[in-house]
């Protein structure tokens, strides 16, 4: 897939400098930024869902109890 975007001169300079500092192409820099953003938003969603699940049923276990449950067999 190929796409284009318009950047003002300051945005373009910053993007080129970021890519140069990391030794990657401009395309790789944008790809990295996109997928890091997707991953961050996914992680946030998973954390929010886990918190809601915990808030609905706030059961906790000690570390000792957790290990016993994991290795009970």
Protein backbone atom coordinates (compact mmCIF):
# COMPACT_ATOMS: atom_id res chain seq x y z
CA UNK A 1 0.00 0.00 0.00
CA UNK A 2 1.28 3.44 -0.90
CA UNK A 3 0.00 6.66 0.55
CA UNK A 4 1.00 10.27 0.76
CA UNK A 5 0.53 13.00 3.31
CA UNK A 6 1.11 16.69 3.44
CA UNK A 7 3.46 18.06 6.07
CA UNK A 8 4.42 21.63 6.66
CA UNK A 9 8.14 22.40 6.58
CA UNK A 10 8.57 22.07 10.35
CA UNK A 11 6.75 18.72 10.46
CA UNK A 12 8.81 17.43 7.53
CA UNK A 13 12.07 18.56 9.18
CA UNK A 14 11.14 16.90 12.45
CA UNK A 15 10.16 13.65 10.70
CA UNK A 16 13.40 13.56 8.68
CA UNK A 17 15.48 14.24 11.81
CA UNK A 18 13.68 11.51 13.75
CA UNK A 19 14.32 9.02 10.96
CA UNK A 20 17.97 10.04 10.71
CA UNK A 21 18.56 9.77 14.46
CA UNK A 22 17.15 6.24 14.42
CA UNK A 23 18.93 5.29 11.20
CA UNK A 24 15.73 4.39 9.37
CA UNK A 25 13.92 5.61 6.30
CA UNK A 26 11.18 8.19 6.54
CA UNK A 27 8.65 5.53 5.52
CA UNK A 28 9.90 3.18 8.26
CA UNK A 29 9.65 6.02 10.79
CA UNK A 30 6.01 6.67 9.92
CA UNK A 31 5.24 2.94 9.90
CA UNK A 32 6.86 2.54 13.32
CA UNK A 33 4.94 5.51 14.72
CA UNK A 34 1.64 4.20 13.36
CA UNK A 35 2.03 0.71 14.79
CA UNK A 36 3.33 1.98 18.14
CA UNK A 37 0.22 4.18 18.38
CA UNK A 38 -2.02 1.22 17.52
CA UNK A 39 -0.27 -0.93 20.14
CA UNK A 40 -0.54 1.81 22.79
CA UNK A 41 -4.26 2.23 22.17
CA UNK A 42 -4.79 -1.53 22.24
CA UNK A 43 -2.88 -1.83 25.52
CA UNK A 44 -4.92 0.99 27.01
CA UNK A 45 -8.16 -0.70 25.96
CA UNK A 46 -7.08 -4.03 27.47
CA UNK A 47 -6.10 -2.28 30.70
CA UNK A 48 -9.42 -0.43 30.86
CA UNK A 49 -11.34 -3.67 30.27
CA UNK A 50 -9.31 -5.45 32.97
CA UNK A 51 -9.97 -2.61 35.41
CA UNK A 52 -13.71 -2.72 34.70
CA UNK A 53 -13.69 -6.47 35.25
CA UNK A 54 -11.84 -6.03 38.54
CA UNK A 55 -14.14 -3.17 39.63
CA UNK A 56 -17.17 -5.39 39.04
CA UNK A 57 -15.70 -8.23 41.13
CA UNK A 58 -12.75 -6.96 43.22
CA UNK A 59 -11.23 -10.25 44.31
CA UNK A 60 -7.52 -10.28 45.09
CA UNK A 61 -5.06 -13.02 45.98
CA UNK A 62 -1.77 -12.97 47.80
CA UNK A 63 1.30 -13.87 45.78
CA UNK A 64 1.58 -17.11 47.74
CA UNK A 65 -2.02 -18.05 46.97
CA UNK A 66 -1.52 -17.24 43.31
CA UNK A 67 1.56 -19.48 43.04
CA UNK A 68 -0.28 -22.27 44.81
CA UNK A 69 -3.14 -21.96 42.32
CA UNK A 70 -0.74 -21.98 39.36
CA UNK A 71 1.17 -25.05 40.57
CA UNK A 72 -1.67 -26.95 42.28
CA UNK A 73 -1.24 -30.11 40.17
